[in-house]
Protein backbone atom coordinates (compact mmCIF):
# COMPACT_ATOMS: atom_id res chain seq x y z
CA MET A 1 -228.46 49.85 69.51
CA VAL A 2 -225.61 51.97 70.80
CA GLN A 3 -225.56 52.46 74.56
CA ARG A 4 -225.03 55.78 76.34
CA MET A 5 -221.39 56.78 76.75
CA PHE A 6 -219.46 59.22 78.91
CA LEU A 7 -216.34 60.84 77.41
CA SER A 8 -213.96 61.99 80.15
CA TYR A 9 -211.19 64.41 79.21
CA CYS A 10 -209.39 67.52 80.42
CA ASP A 11 -209.79 70.93 78.84
CA GLU A 12 -206.30 70.85 77.29
CA ASP A 13 -207.41 67.82 75.21
CA ARG A 14 -210.67 69.43 74.06
CA VAL A 15 -209.71 69.73 70.36
CA TRP A 16 -208.69 66.06 70.10
CA CYS A 17 -211.80 64.97 72.01
CA GLN A 18 -214.08 67.14 69.86
CA ARG A 19 -212.67 65.38 66.79
CA LEU A 20 -213.23 61.97 68.42
CA HIS A 21 -216.78 62.93 69.49
CA THR A 22 -217.64 64.10 65.98
CA ASP A 23 -216.13 60.96 64.41
CA LEU A 24 -217.91 58.63 66.87
CA CYS A 25 -221.24 60.34 66.24
CA ARG A 26 -220.74 60.06 62.47
CA HIS A 27 -219.65 56.41 62.46
CA LEU A 28 -222.18 55.28 65.07
CA GLY A 29 -224.99 57.04 63.22
CA LEU A 30 -225.79 59.41 66.08
CA ALA A 31 -227.26 62.88 65.80
CA ARG A 32 -224.42 65.40 66.12
CA HIS A 33 -225.89 67.04 69.20
CA GLY A 34 -227.58 63.99 70.68
CA ASN A 35 -227.20 62.88 74.27
CA VAL A 36 -225.90 59.39 73.55
CA ILE A 37 -222.33 60.53 74.23
CA TYR A 38 -222.02 62.78 77.27
CA PHE A 39 -219.48 65.38 76.21
CA ALA A 40 -219.13 68.43 78.45
CA PRO A 41 -219.80 71.25 78.01
CA ARG A 42 -221.83 70.40 74.89
CA SER A 43 -224.14 68.11 76.89
CA ASN A 44 -224.91 70.77 79.50
CA LEU A 45 -227.14 73.84 79.29
CA PRO A 46 -226.05 77.29 80.46
CA GLY A 47 -226.56 77.51 84.21
CA ASP A 48 -226.40 73.76 84.84
CA ALA A 49 -224.48 72.78 87.98
CA TRP A 50 -221.51 70.65 86.92
CA SER A 51 -221.28 68.08 89.67
CA PRO A 52 -224.88 66.77 89.63
CA HIS A 53 -224.91 66.54 85.83
CA LEU A 54 -221.56 64.75 85.71
CA GLN A 55 -222.65 62.28 88.38
CA ALA A 56 -225.97 61.60 86.65
CA ALA A 57 -224.31 61.17 83.26
CA LEU A 58 -221.70 58.79 84.70
CA THR A 59 -224.37 56.72 86.44
CA GLU A 60 -226.57 56.56 83.31
CA SER A 61 -223.73 55.68 80.92
CA PRO A 62 -222.69 52.01 80.85
CA ILE A 63 -219.71 52.93 78.64
CA PHE A 64 -216.91 55.13 80.00
CA LEU A 65 -214.32 56.50 77.56
CA ILE A 66 -211.38 58.34 79.11
CA ALA A 67 -208.77 60.31 77.14
CA ILE A 68 -205.36 59.68 78.70
CA SER A 69 -202.73 62.42 78.44
CA ARG A 70 -200.26 64.37 80.58
CA ALA A 71 -202.91 67.06 81.17
CA ALA A 72 -205.56 64.44 82.05
CA ALA A 73 -203.19 62.91 84.61
CA ALA A 74 -202.99 66.30 86.33
CA SER A 75 -206.75 66.94 86.23
CA SER A 76 -208.69 66.44 89.45
CA TRP A 77 -211.96 66.27 87.46
CA VAL A 78 -210.65 63.41 85.30
CA ARG A 79 -209.44 61.53 88.38
CA VAL A 80 -212.84 61.95 90.10
CA GLU A 81 -214.70 60.79 86.98
CA ALA A 82 -212.39 57.77 86.60
CA GLU A 83 -212.83 56.78 90.24
CA ARG A 84 -216.63 57.01 89.93
CA ALA A 85 -216.61 54.96 86.72
CA LEU A 86 -214.48 52.29 88.42
CA GLN A 87 -216.86 52.21 91.41
CA LEU A 88 -219.78 51.72 89.05
CA LYS A 89 -217.86 48.97 87.21
CA ARG A 90 -217.17 47.14 90.47
CA ALA A 91 -220.91 47.25 91.25
CA ASN A 92 -221.87 46.20 87.70
CA PRO A 93 -219.22 44.23 85.77
CA GLN A 94 -221.24 44.63 82.53
CA ARG A 95 -220.13 48.27 82.31
CA LEU A 96 -217.36 48.98 79.82
CA ILE A 97 -214.29 51.14 80.54
CA ILE A 98 -212.04 52.08 77.62
CA PRO A 99 -208.94 54.22 78.18
CA LEU A 100 -207.98 56.19 75.06
CA LEU A 101 -204.20 56.60 74.97
CA THR A 102 -203.27 59.89 73.28
CA THR A 103 -199.66 60.27 74.49
CA TRP A 104 -196.64 57.97 74.53
CA ASP A 105 -196.22 57.93 78.29
CA LYS A 106 -198.41 55.19 79.78
CA SER A 107 -197.57 56.50 83.26
CA HIS A 108 -200.35 59.03 82.67
CA LEU A 109 -202.79 56.13 82.77
CA TYR A 110 -201.46 55.07 86.16
CA ALA A 111 -201.41 58.64 87.49
CA ILE A 112 -205.16 58.98 86.93
CA ASN A 113 -205.99 55.68 88.62
CA ARG A 114 -203.78 52.60 88.86
CA GLU A 115 -206.85 50.38 88.40
CA LEU A 116 -207.19 51.61 84.79
CA GLU A 117 -204.21 49.42 83.84
CA ASN A 118 -206.62 46.46 84.08
CA TYR A 119 -208.46 47.62 80.95
CA GLN A 120 -207.22 47.31 77.40
CA TYR A 121 -206.76 50.74 75.92
CA ALA A 122 -207.48 52.05 72.45
CA ASP A 123 -204.07 53.21 71.24
CA PHE A 124 -204.29 56.56 69.43
CA ARG A 125 -200.60 57.37 70.05
CA GLU A 126 -199.09 56.36 66.73
CA GLU A 127 -199.15 58.99 63.99
CA GLY A 128 -201.27 57.89 61.06
CA MET A 129 -203.17 55.21 63.01
CA TYR A 130 -206.12 57.37 64.14
CA GLU A 131 -208.58 56.01 61.55
CA GLN A 132 -207.71 52.36 62.20
CA THR A 133 -207.94 52.78 65.96
CA LEU A 134 -211.21 54.69 65.57
CA ALA A 135 -212.60 51.88 63.40
CA THR A 136 -211.72 49.29 66.06
CA LEU A 137 -213.28 51.46 68.77
CA VAL A 138 -216.47 51.93 66.73
CA TYR A 139 -216.68 48.17 66.20
CA VAL A 140 -216.42 47.54 69.93
CA LEU A 141 -218.95 50.25 70.77
CA LYS A 142 -221.44 48.79 68.31
CA ARG A 143 -221.17 45.33 69.87
CA PRO A 144 -220.22 45.78 73.55
CA GLN A 145 -222.34 42.93 74.87
CA THR A 146 -221.55 40.38 72.17
CA LEU A 147 -217.76 40.52 71.92
CA LEU A 148 -216.88 37.19 73.43
CA GLU A 149 -213.42 35.82 74.09
CA SER A 150 -214.09 33.08 71.54
CA GLU A 151 -214.84 35.69 68.83
CA ARG A 152 -211.58 37.59 69.07
CA THR A 153 -207.88 37.17 68.91
CA ARG A 154 -205.19 39.40 70.29
CA ILE A 155 -202.85 40.91 67.75
CA GLY A 156 -200.42 43.43 69.22
CA ALA A 157 -202.31 45.62 71.66
CA THR A 158 -205.63 45.42 69.79
CA TRP A 159 -208.47 42.94 70.13
CA ILE A 160 -210.19 42.23 66.85
CA PRO A 161 -212.76 39.65 65.68
CA LEU A 162 -211.47 36.58 63.89
CA GLN A 163 -214.01 36.90 61.12
CA LYS A 164 -216.86 38.97 59.78
CA PRO A 165 -220.29 37.68 60.80
CA THR A 166 -220.84 36.64 57.15
CA GLY A 167 -217.57 34.68 57.17
CA ILE A 168 -214.21 35.84 55.92
CA ARG A 169 -210.83 34.20 55.42
CA ALA A 170 -207.82 34.96 57.60
CA ILE A 171 -207.26 38.60 58.38
CA GLU A 172 -204.77 40.15 56.00
CA SER A 173 -204.84 43.68 57.34
CA ILE A 174 -206.13 44.45 60.81
CA GLY A 175 -206.90 48.09 60.14
CA GLY A 176 -208.33 47.47 56.69
CA PHE A 177 -210.56 44.67 57.94
CA ILE A 178 -212.03 46.65 60.80
CA LYS A 179 -212.31 49.83 58.73
CA ASP A 180 -214.12 47.95 55.94
CA MET A 181 -216.44 46.26 58.39
CA VAL A 182 -217.36 49.37 60.37
CA MET A 183 -217.25 52.10 57.79
CA GLY A 184 -218.42 50.09 54.81
CA GLU A 185 -215.45 50.90 52.60
């Protein structure tokens, strides 16, 4: 079962985040307009007060996804959401924080909150790698409680499982392996 998620982003990154939201919903088997992924303003109704809804959604979502960009680094909303997610993580280490790097300058990560550098990011920066990074992210989101250190190996900046649950030989292609496993190709 997929847990509730909060997708933090700034308005300038809305198009990219809408694509990610749609892709996550499709690959995680979620209803397109469901409330599993909090995605403002889609998750709010006309007339809703922003602050209480954001706070409630953050508190109720054990998974925090944050799109990192130059615009996000300048956004006070993104910084507030990140700080709240980090507070919740300190109170409950089981919560998951995943920065989503969308620009080449990692200083944007630090500008939002220096503490975010403690979390491995999903790297969407490289042209042509969106699908592979998405597949890895979907895999992690499907199994957030069961990804153990003994199940994965670090290759580059990406954590991946050593083998499929059914057993597979050595990984030939990181992206192909994850994509096949998650998307059934």
